[in-house]
Amino acid sequence: MDAKFRVVLPAKFRDELGEKFVLTKGLDACLFAFSLKAFEELEEKVKKLPLTDTGVRKFVRFFFGGACDCEFDAQGRVVVPSHLRTYADLKKEVLSMRVPGRIELWGSEKWDDYNGEDNHIDQELAEKLTELGI
């Protein structure tokens, strides 16, 4: 794979992320991009979780272990490190979307697969969202 795989994000996303930001493995085989402030806030929350919990340790290693500090070049592009590119299966077409608190980067095939799954809010998930106050 090309070690210098670059992705261009829309200007509004670049403005939201700031000059420097963090790119890491996301859930569902996409990448998460966080502003430095948002990533630091997430780190503070995670520091309060019990290290004795196996799930917490797995999540921390997965999520923080491959995180990279990134910045945009003069053309608004960011170099995606090869380990993150491989994880998200990024190829020629990369989709970016804003969700609360972050930007997600998806390989077009992964996005199509995700949307092809049983991708709807069922009653159980709706009830869970209600429990969370959403």
N, C-alpha and C. Protein backbone atom coordinates (compact mmCIF):
# COMPACT_ATOMS: atom_id res chain seq x y z
N MET A 1 0.83 -1.19 0.00
CA MET A 1 0.00 0.00 0.00
C MET A 1 0.87 1.25 0.00
N ASP A 2 0.35 2.27 -0.61
CA ASP A 2 1.06 3.54 -0.66
C ASP A 2 1.09 4.15 0.74
N ALA A 3 2.30 4.37 1.27
CA ALA A 3 2.45 4.93 2.62
C ALA A 3 1.99 6.38 2.69
N LYS A 4 1.82 7.03 1.56
CA LYS A 4 1.42 8.44 1.53
C LYS A 4 -0.01 8.60 1.01
N PHE A 5 -0.89 7.75 1.45
CA PHE A 5 -2.29 7.84 1.06
C PHE A 5 -2.90 9.09 1.71
N ARG A 6 -3.42 9.98 0.89
CA ARG A 6 -3.95 11.25 1.40
C ARG A 6 -5.46 11.32 1.18
N VAL A 7 -6.11 11.96 2.13
CA VAL A 7 -7.56 12.18 2.08
C VAL A 7 -7.81 13.67 2.20
N VAL A 8 -8.73 14.17 1.39
CA VAL A 8 -9.15 15.57 1.48
C VAL A 8 -10.48 15.60 2.21
N LEU A 9 -10.56 16.43 3.22
CA LEU A 9 -11.82 16.61 3.95
C LEU A 9 -12.43 17.95 3.57
N PRO A 10 -13.75 18.05 3.61
CA PRO A 10 -14.40 19.34 3.34
C PRO A 10 -13.90 20.42 4.30
N ALA A 11 -13.88 21.65 3.83
CA ALA A 11 -13.37 22.77 4.63
C ALA A 11 -14.07 22.88 5.97
N LYS A 12 -15.39 22.65 6.01
CA LYS A 12 -16.11 22.77 7.28
C LYS A 12 -15.63 21.73 8.29
N PHE A 13 -15.23 20.54 7.81
CA PHE A 13 -14.70 19.53 8.72
C PHE A 13 -13.29 19.90 9.17
N ARG A 14 -12.49 20.45 8.27
CA ARG A 14 -11.15 20.89 8.64
C ARG A 14 -11.22 21.98 9.69
N ASP A 15 -12.16 22.91 9.52
CA ASP A 15 -12.34 23.98 10.50
C ASP A 15 -12.72 23.41 11.87
N GLU A 16 -13.59 22.41 11.86
CA GLU A 16 -14.04 21.82 13.12
C GLU A 16 -12.92 21.05 13.82
N LEU A 17 -12.09 20.35 13.06
CA LEU A 17 -11.01 19.57 13.65
C LEU A 17 -9.86 20.44 14.12
N GLY A 18 -9.62 21.54 13.43
CA GLY A 18 -8.51 22.40 13.77
C GLY A 18 -7.26 22.02 12.99
N GLU A 19 -6.24 22.81 13.17
CA GLU A 19 -4.99 22.61 12.42
C GLU A 19 -4.38 21.25 12.71
N LYS A 20 -4.40 20.84 13.99
CA LYS A 20 -3.90 19.52 14.39
C LYS A 20 -5.04 18.77 15.04
N PHE A 21 -5.09 17.46 14.79
CA PHE A 21 -6.17 16.64 15.31
C PHE A 21 -5.68 15.21 15.47
N VAL A 22 -6.55 14.34 15.98
CA VAL A 22 -6.19 12.94 16.22
C VAL A 22 -7.05 12.05 15.33
N LEU A 23 -6.39 11.08 14.70
CA LEU A 23 -7.06 10.08 13.87
C LEU A 23 -6.81 8.72 14.50
N THR A 24 -7.87 7.92 14.64
CA THR A 24 -7.73 6.62 15.29
C THR A 24 -8.73 5.63 14.72
N LYS A 25 -8.57 4.36 15.11
CA LYS A 25 -9.53 3.34 14.71
C LYS A 25 -10.87 3.67 15.34
N GLY A 26 -11.91 3.58 14.55
CA GLY A 26 -13.25 3.77 15.06
C GLY A 26 -13.98 2.44 15.14
N LEU A 27 -15.19 2.50 15.56
CA LEU A 27 -16.02 1.30 15.60
C LEU A 27 -16.62 1.06 14.23
N ASP A 28 -17.04 -0.15 13.95
CA ASP A 28 -17.68 -0.50 12.68
C ASP A 28 -16.74 -0.37 11.48
N ALA A 29 -15.44 -0.51 11.69
CA ALA A 29 -14.42 -0.50 10.62
C ALA A 29 -14.32 0.82 9.88
N CYS A 30 -14.48 1.91 10.61
CA CYS A 30 -14.22 3.23 10.04
C CYS A 30 -13.15 3.90 10.89
N LEU A 31 -12.75 5.11 10.52
CA LEU A 31 -11.81 5.88 11.32
C LEU A 31 -12.54 7.03 11.98
N PHE A 32 -12.08 7.39 13.17
CA PHE A 32 -12.61 8.54 13.89
C PHE A 32 -11.54 9.63 13.88
N ALA A 33 -11.96 10.86 13.59
CA ALA A 33 -11.09 12.02 13.68
C ALA A 33 -11.67 12.94 14.75
N PHE A 34 -10.82 13.30 15.71
CA PHE A 34 -11.22 14.16 16.83
C PHE A 34 -10.37 15.42 16.85
N SER A 35 -10.97 16.53 17.22
CA SER A 35 -10.15 17.71 17.53
C SER A 35 -9.30 17.34 18.74
N LEU A 36 -8.19 18.05 18.93
CA LEU A 36 -7.34 17.75 20.08
C LEU A 36 -8.11 17.89 21.39
N LYS A 37 -8.94 18.91 21.48
CA LYS A 37 -9.72 19.14 22.70
C LYS A 37 -10.68 17.98 22.96
N ALA A 38 -11.40 17.54 21.92
CA ALA A 38 -12.36 16.44 22.09
C ALA A 38 -11.64 15.15 22.47
N PHE A 39 -10.47 14.91 21.88
CA PHE A 39 -9.72 13.70 22.20
C PHE A 39 -9.21 13.74 23.63
N GLU A 40 -8.73 14.89 24.08
CA GLU A 40 -8.27 15.03 25.45
C GLU A 40 -9.41 14.83 26.44
N GLU A 41 -10.60 15.33 26.11
CA GLU A 41 -11.77 15.12 26.98
C GLU A 41 -12.12 13.64 27.08
N LEU A 42 -12.03 12.94 25.95
CA LEU A 42 -12.29 11.50 25.95
C LEU A 42 -11.25 10.76 26.77
N GLU A 43 -10.00 11.15 26.64
CA GLU A 43 -8.93 10.54 27.44
C GLU A 43 -9.21 10.69 28.94
N GLU A 44 -9.65 11.88 29.33
CA GLU A 44 -9.94 12.11 30.75
C GLU A 44 -11.06 11.19 31.25
N LYS A 45 -12.08 10.97 30.44
CA LYS A 45 -13.16 10.06 30.82
C LYS A 45 -12.65 8.63 30.94
N VAL A 46 -11.82 8.22 30.00
CA VAL A 46 -11.31 6.86 30.00
C VAL A 46 -10.38 6.61 31.19
N LYS A 47 -9.64 7.62 31.59
CA LYS A 47 -8.74 7.47 32.75
C LYS A 47 -9.50 7.12 34.02
N LYS A 48 -10.78 7.45 34.07
CA LYS A 48 -11.59 7.18 35.26
C LYS A 48 -12.17 5.77 35.26
N LEU A 49 -12.03 5.04 34.17
CA LEU A 49 -12.57 3.69 34.08
C LEU A 49 -11.63 2.71 34.79
N PRO A 50 -12.18 1.62 35.31
CA PRO A 50 -11.34 0.67 36.06
C PRO A 50 -10.42 -0.15 35.15
N LEU A 51 -9.12 -0.08 35.42
CA LEU A 51 -8.15 -0.85 34.64
C LEU A 51 -8.28 -2.34 34.87
N THR A 52 -8.97 -2.72 35.94
CA THR A 52 -9.16 -4.14 36.23
C THR A 52 -10.21 -4.78 35.33
N ASP A 53 -10.95 -3.97 34.61
CA ASP A 53 -11.99 -4.46 33.70
C ASP A 53 -11.36 -4.84 32.36
N THR A 54 -11.49 -6.11 31.98
CA THR A 54 -10.90 -6.61 30.73
C THR A 54 -11.41 -5.84 29.52
N GLY A 55 -12.69 -5.55 29.47
CA GLY A 55 -13.27 -4.81 28.35
C GLY A 55 -12.69 -3.41 28.22
N VAL A 56 -12.47 -2.76 29.35
CA VAL A 56 -11.87 -1.43 29.34
C VAL A 56 -10.47 -1.50 28.76
N ARG A 57 -9.68 -2.47 29.22
CA ARG A 57 -8.31 -2.60 28.71
C ARG A 57 -8.30 -2.87 27.21
N LYS A 58 -9.18 -3.72 26.74
CA LYS A 58 -9.26 -4.01 25.30
C LYS A 58 -9.63 -2.76 24.52
N PHE A 59 -10.61 -2.04 25.00
CA PHE A 59 -11.04 -0.82 24.32
C PHE A 59 -9.90 0.20 24.26
N VAL A 60 -9.23 0.40 25.39
CA VAL A 60 -8.14 1.39 25.44
C VAL A 60 -7.05 1.02 24.44
N ARG A 61 -6.68 -0.24 24.39
CA ARG A 61 -5.63 -0.67 23.45
C ARG A 61 -6.08 -0.49 22.01
N PHE A 62 -7.32 -0.88 21.73
CA PHE A 62 -7.86 -0.76 20.38
C PHE A 62 -7.93 0.69 19.95
N PHE A 63 -8.52 1.51 20.78
CA PHE A 63 -8.85 2.87 20.41
C PHE A 63 -7.67 3.83 20.50
N PHE A 64 -6.90 3.74 21.56
CA PHE A 64 -5.81 4.67 21.78
C PHE A 64 -4.47 4.16 21.24
N GLY A 65 -4.32 2.84 21.14
CA GLY A 65 -3.05 2.27 20.72
C GLY A 65 -2.59 2.69 19.34
N GLY A 66 -3.50 2.87 18.42
CA GLY A 66 -3.13 3.24 17.06
C GLY A 66 -3.41 4.68 16.71
N ALA A 67 -3.76 5.48 17.71
CA ALA A 67 -4.10 6.89 17.46
C ALA A 67 -2.88 7.66 16.98
N CYS A 68 -3.12 8.57 16.04
CA CYS A 68 -2.03 9.37 15.47
C CYS A 68 -2.39 10.84 15.46
N ASP A 69 -1.42 11.66 15.81
CA ASP A 69 -1.59 13.11 15.66
C ASP A 69 -1.44 13.42 14.18
N CYS A 70 -2.34 14.20 13.64
CA CYS A 70 -2.33 14.53 12.22
C CYS A 70 -2.50 16.03 12.02
N GLU A 71 -2.15 16.48 10.83
CA GLU A 71 -2.41 17.86 10.44
C GLU A 71 -2.61 17.90 8.93
N PHE A 72 -3.29 18.94 8.50
CA PHE A 72 -3.58 19.11 7.08
C PHE A 72 -2.42 19.78 6.37
N ASP A 73 -2.22 19.40 5.10
CA ASP A 73 -1.23 20.11 4.31
C ASP A 73 -1.90 21.34 3.69
N ALA A 74 -1.18 22.07 2.87
CA ALA A 74 -1.68 23.33 2.29
C ALA A 74 -2.90 23.12 1.40
N GLN A 75 -3.08 21.90 0.87
CA GLN A 75 -4.23 21.60 0.02
C GLN A 75 -5.41 21.01 0.80
N GLY A 76 -5.30 20.97 2.12
CA GLY A 76 -6.38 20.44 2.95
C GLY A 76 -6.41 18.92 3.00
N ARG A 77 -5.29 18.29 2.70
CA ARG A 77 -5.20 16.84 2.72
C ARG A 77 -4.53 16.38 4.01
N VAL A 78 -4.85 15.16 4.39
CA VAL A 78 -4.20 14.55 5.54
C VAL A 78 -3.65 13.19 5.08
N VAL A 79 -2.45 12.87 5.52
CA VAL A 79 -1.87 11.56 5.25
C VAL A 79 -2.46 10.58 6.26
N VAL A 80 -3.05 9.50 5.75
CA VAL A 80 -3.60 8.46 6.62
C VAL A 80 -2.53 7.39 6.78
N PRO A 81 -2.05 7.16 8.01
CA PRO A 81 -1.03 6.13 8.22
C PRO A 81 -1.50 4.76 7.71
N SER A 82 -0.56 3.96 7.27
CA SER A 82 -0.92 2.69 6.64
C SER A 82 -1.71 1.76 7.55
N HIS A 83 -1.39 1.72 8.86
CA HIS A 83 -2.14 0.81 9.75
C HIS A 83 -3.61 1.23 9.86
N LEU A 84 -3.89 2.53 9.81
CA LEU A 84 -5.29 2.98 9.85
C LEU A 84 -5.97 2.78 8.51
N ARG A 85 -5.22 3.01 7.44
CA ARG A 85 -5.77 2.78 6.10
C ARG A 85 -6.17 1.31 5.94
N THR A 86 -5.32 0.42 6.38
CA THR A 86 -5.61 -1.02 6.29
C THR A 86 -6.82 -1.38 7.14
N TYR A 87 -6.85 -0.89 8.37
CA TYR A 87 -7.96 -1.19 9.28
C TYR A 87 -9.31 -0.81 8.66
N ALA A 88 -9.39 0.39 8.09
CA ALA A 88 -10.66 0.89 7.54
C ALA A 88 -10.84 0.52 6.07
N ASP A 89 -9.87 -0.19 5.50
CA ASP A 89 -9.93 -0.61 4.10
C ASP A 89 -10.17 0.59 3.18
N LEU A 90 -9.41 1.65 3.42
CA LEU A 90 -9.55 2.85 2.59
C LEU A 90 -8.86 2.62 1.26
N LYS A 91 -9.60 2.92 0.22
CA LYS A 91 -9.06 2.79 -1.14
C LYS A 91 -9.21 4.15 -1.80
N LYS A 92 -9.57 4.16 -3.05
CA LYS A 92 -9.62 5.42 -3.78
C LYS A 92 -10.71 6.36 -3.25
N GLU A 93 -11.91 5.84 -3.04
CA GLU A 93 -13.03 6.70 -2.61
C GLU A 93 -13.22 6.60 -1.10
N VAL A 94 -13.10 7.74 -0.43
CA VAL A 94 -13.27 7.82 1.02
C VAL A 94 -14.42 8.78 1.31
N LEU A 95 -15.35 8.33 2.13
CA LEU A 95 -16.49 9.17 2.52
C LEU A 95 -16.22 9.74 3.90
N SER A 96 -16.56 10.98 4.10
CA SER A 96 -16.41 11.60 5.42
C SER A 96 -17.76 12.14 5.86
N MET A 97 -18.01 12.02 7.14
CA MET A 97 -19.28 12.53 7.67
C MET A 97 -19.07 13.03 9.09
N ARG A 98 -19.85 14.04 9.42
CA ARG A 98 -19.82 14.58 10.76
C ARG A 98 -20.89 13.89 11.58
N VAL A 99 -20.47 13.41 12.73
CA VAL A 99 -21.40 12.90 13.74
C VAL A 99 -21.04 13.65 15.02
N PRO A 100 -21.91 13.69 16.00
CA PRO A 100 -21.60 14.48 17.20
C PRO A 100 -20.24 14.12 17.81
N GLY A 101 -19.40 15.13 17.93
CA GLY A 101 -18.12 14.97 18.60
C GLY A 101 -16.95 14.52 17.74
N ARG A 102 -17.20 14.16 16.49
CA ARG A 102 -16.10 13.65 15.67
C ARG A 102 -16.48 13.66 14.19
N ILE A 103 -15.47 13.36 13.37
CA ILE A 103 -15.67 13.13 11.94
C ILE A 103 -15.36 11.66 11.71
N GLU A 104 -16.17 10.98 10.91
CA GLU A 104 -15.89 9.59 10.56
C GLU A 104 -15.42 9.52 9.12
N LEU A 105 -14.43 8.65 8.88
CA LEU A 105 -13.93 8.38 7.53
C LEU A 105 -14.22 6.93 7.20
N TRP A 106 -14.87 6.71 6.08
CA TRP A 106 -15.27 5.38 5.65
C TRP A 106 -14.75 5.09 4.25
N GLY A 107 -14.23 3.89 4.05
CA GLY A 107 -14.01 3.42 2.70
C GLY A 107 -15.38 3.19 2.07
N SER A 108 -15.53 3.51 0.81
CA SER A 108 -16.86 3.44 0.18
C SER A 108 -17.44 2.03 0.24
N GLU A 109 -16.60 1.01 0.08
CA GLU A 109 -17.12 -0.37 0.14
C GLU A 109 -17.59 -0.72 1.54
N LYS A 110 -16.82 -0.31 2.56
CA LYS A 110 -17.23 -0.57 3.94
C LYS A 110 -18.54 0.15 4.26
N TRP A 111 -18.68 1.38 3.77
CA TRP A 111 -19.91 2.13 4.00
C TRP A 111 -21.09 1.42 3.34
N ASP A 112 -20.90 0.95 2.12
CA ASP A 112 -21.97 0.22 1.43
C ASP A 112 -22.34 -1.05 2.18
N ASP A 113 -21.32 -1.77 2.68
CA ASP A 113 -21.59 -2.98 3.47
C ASP A 113 -22.35 -2.64 4.74
N TYR A 114 -21.93 -1.60 5.42
CA TYR A 114 -22.59 -1.19 6.66
C TYR A 114 -24.05 -0.84 6.40
N ASN A 115 -24.29 -0.10 5.34
CA ASN A 115 -25.66 0.29 5.02
C ASN A 115 -26.48 -0.86 4.47
N GLY A 116 -25.83 -1.90 4.00
CA GLY A 116 -26.55 -3.05 3.47
C GLY A 116 -26.98 -4.01 4.57
N GLU A 117 -26.37 -3.88 5.75
CA GLU A 117 -26.75 -4.73 6.87
C GLU A 117 -28.13 -4.32 7.38
N ASP A 118 -28.59 -5.04 8.37
CA ASP A 118 -29.86 -4.71 9.00
C ASP A 118 -29.64 -3.43 9.80
N ASN A 119 -29.59 -2.32 9.11
CA ASN A 119 -29.16 -1.05 9.67
C ASN A 119 -30.36 -0.16 9.97
N HIS A 120 -31.07 -0.52 11.00
CA HIS A 120 -32.20 0.29 11.41
C HIS A 120 -32.27 0.30 12.94
N ILE A 121 -33.06 1.19 13.47
CA ILE A 121 -33.24 1.27 14.91
C ILE A 121 -34.40 0.35 15.29
N ASP A 122 -34.08 -0.77 15.94
CA ASP A 122 -35.14 -1.68 16.36
C ASP A 122 -35.63 -1.26 17.75
N GLN A 123 -36.62 -1.95 18.25
CA GLN A 123 -37.23 -1.59 19.52
C GLN A 123 -36.23 -1.66 20.67
N GLU A 124 -35.40 -2.69 20.67
CA GLU A 124 -34.41 -2.85 21.75
C GLU A 124 -33.43 -1.67 21.76
N LEU A 125 -32.95 -1.27 20.61
CA LEU A 125 -32.03 -0.13 20.54
C LEU A 125 -32.75 1.17 20.90
N ALA A 126 -33.98 1.32 20.46
CA ALA A 126 -34.75 2.52 20.80
C ALA A 126 -34.92 2.63 22.32
N GLU A 127 -35.18 1.50 22.98
CA GLU A 127 -35.33 1.50 24.43
C GLU A 127 -34.00 1.84 25.12
N LYS A 128 -32.89 1.33 24.58
CA LYS A 128 -31.58 1.64 25.14
C LYS A 128 -31.30 3.14 25.03
N LEU A 129 -31.64 3.73 23.89
CA LEU A 129 -31.45 5.16 23.71
C LEU A 129 -32.28 5.95 24.70
N THR A 130 -33.48 5.48 24.97
CA THR A 130 -34.34 6.14 25.96
C THR A 130 -33.70 6.06 27.34
N GLU A 131 -33.13 4.89 27.68
CA GLU A 131 -32.46 4.74 28.97
C GLU A 131 -31.27 5.72 29.10
N LEU A 132 -30.63 6.01 27.97
CA LEU A 132 -29.50 6.93 27.97
C LEU A 132 -29.93 8.39 27.92
N GLY A 133 -31.22 8.62 27.83
CA GLY A 133 -31.74 9.99 27.84
C GLY A 133 -31.75 10.64 26.47
N ILE A 134 -31.77 9.84 25.44
CA ILE A 134 -31.77 10.38 24.07
C ILE A 134 -33.16 10.25 23.46
